[in-house]
Structure formats: structure tokens, C-alpha cells
Amino acid sequence: MGLTAMLLSACGGEKKEVFDGSVTISGELKQIPEGEVVLSVYEADKITVLDTLEVKGGSFSYDLDIDKPNFYDLDLYGEKTVRLALYQEDVQIKYDFGTEELAVEGSADSRLLFRIDQLTAEYQEEANALNSAFYEAMTEKDQEKVQKIREQAVEMGMYQAERVKGVIAEAEGSFAALAGIGMLDPGKDFNFMDSIVTSLGEQYPDMKLINTWKQELNEMRALSIGQPAPEISLPNPEGEIVNLSDLRGKYVMVDFWAGWCKPCRDENPNVVRLYEKYKDEGFEVFGVSLDRTREMWTNAIEEDGLTWTQVSDLKYFNSTAAATYQINAIPATYMIDPEGNIMAKDLRGKSLERKLAEIFD
């Protein structure tokens, strides 16, 4: 049994033998400020206040009528919000406003959510520090440091995803996992996300959030690893229509970029270097620009020395290709195998170099 599984099996959290349609939310608070304890529930795309809880001598106890699993917020005097995942199990909260120490006991679903929130907070703290270092490097125009920080960010994101997946996997069957899969990248973790949602859907067929996830994942399925890459047919700088499928038989990186996108432009020298190294071995790049003007697009192509296929309808994020590939931020890439299937996503920097070496070296 893994550490997370042991934690979730400890401190009670057993489902009531006969569920009476209510759960008890209790708490012990220390060094209490002025204010109120407010309980709210997540409903579709909004949060609705349910009640204000009475606190006596630093303690409270509240019986909540509940007929389905759901997520709740417990606002402690406007200074601390505790997220809860409740269904058939009581939960106990302990919080010290002086030391900011929080403990969540009882409900296994709420304890899983608490662990996910802990991981999120740790990741956010690390990301904020890295972000500060990034802007400092940008100010100093230290491109080597900028690139190194970008690579660190990618590695940190991958590490965070693995931690979240580990916590979710060890707490199999908890609907609180829905909070964790929202932190994952469907481009890299689609199969894991799909398996969790499918399993939870069998347990909780009427839970709206699960059904929403099912719908979203079904829309993403067409772009998951192993699926045929959707066709792109757009004009090149000369106005001639070029098809992505024209490059079938080669390894093709579909590169969504723009002349105005600094991270894209910073990555271009790396792509140029790797393209020159592997183009004679069967590697191609299919650049899809999200520029608004032809001048900005073609100037960037010339300035960065991009010699591979370039297409654009000059419609920014309203591009038909951006819609087809669900692009909402750039740079973004899809690696397509010789059979025309998606084999990897969002490769850049060292990850792109490693993938190409894996294919060709």
C-alpha cells in the first residue's frame, strides 16, 4: 500500500453503515479572528452560499443534508478557505489562525482533495519563484538563462503531473480525483484522465461534473496520442493552398506560432538547428502562423531563417487550424508520424531534441 493510500485509510473516514442523507462538518479553531464561518456549494459554473455556521468556544458542528457527491467551500473568517468533497462521510477540520496549520480528517474524499490542494500550493510557490527568475533573466537579456528556466518549467510541470497522478491512482474510486485531473494536460495525460472519468462515471452516473468531463474528453479524443492528425489546408505566403497530408510518409512537427509571439521566436533557432540536422532523414516542420498580418508573418519567417513549409489564414486564434487543434496558447506543437497519426505534443527545447534523437539516431 502506498503512502497516500495509507493516509486515506487512516483517521476514520469509513462510510456510514446506513447513510441517513446527511453528513456532519465539525471543526476546532484556534486564535480565531473576527468574522464568520460560511459554507458554500459548487453548482455548475457558480458557487452558492448555503449557510453560516455557529462557532462556540472555538468549535462548530453542522449537519448537512446531502443526496449526491459534491464539492464545497468552507470559508473560515475570510482568511482561509478549505475545500471539501462530501458524500456519506463526516469530516473534521482543525485550523490554527496563528500558525496556519490545517488538518482535514474523516472523509476520505475530502482528505484526497486536501492533498491535491497541498500539491497545488507547493507547485504554485515553486512556479512563482521560477516566474520571478524568468522575468529577471528577460530584463538582463540573458537568453541562455531564459532558455534554461523554460526547460526547468517544463520539467517542473511534468513532475507535478506525476505527483498528482500518483495521489489520484492510490485513492482509486474517489470522486475528489476530479479536482486533480483538472490540473493535468490532456495532451500528455489523456488516457489517464479518460480512465479516471470513465471509472467514476460508472460509480456516479448522475454527477454533473463527471458528465461534463466526459463531454470535454470526447471532444479532446480526436487529438489524443495515436489518433489521425486532422487535415490542415491553408495558404502559404505565395497564396497557394498547402495540405498537411502532403507531407505523409515523414515525421512532421506541426508548429503553431506567430511573429508577435516572443517564446515562439526564441524557440525558432532551436527548431532551425534540429531541422537542418534531420531534414534529410525524414523530418519536416509544418508551420502554422497565428499572425494577423502578412507583413508580420513573412518578416518573421525571413528574420528567423525558417525554410520549411509555412501556412496561415491570418486570423489570429480564430484560425480554422487553431480551432481544429484546440489551440488557445502558443507555442504549441504536434508531432505526426509517417502514417499521419499524432505521436507527441508540445515538444520544444530539450524535449524536442530528445524525441528526434530517439527517432533518427
Foldseek 3Di string as FASTA:
>chain_A
DDPLLVVLVPQAQDFDPDQPQKAKEKEAEAPADDAWKWKWWDDDPDIGTDDTFDDDPRMTMDIGGHDAWGKMWIQRRVPDIQIATDDRKYKYWYAYPVVRDIDIGINSLSVLLVVLVVLVVVLVVVVVVLVVQLVVCVVVVVLVSNLVSVVVVVVSLVVSLVVLLVSDVSSQQRPSNLVSCVSDDCQVCVVSLVVRLVSNCVVHVPDPSSVVSVVVSVLCVCVYFFHFDDKDWFAFLVGDTDIPCVLAQAWEKEWEEELVDVVVLSQLVVVVVVCVVCVVVGYAYAYEYLAQDSVSRVVSCVVSVPDGHYGYPNNRCVTPVNVSNVPDDDGKIFIAHNNRGTHHIDDTDPRVVVVVVVVGD
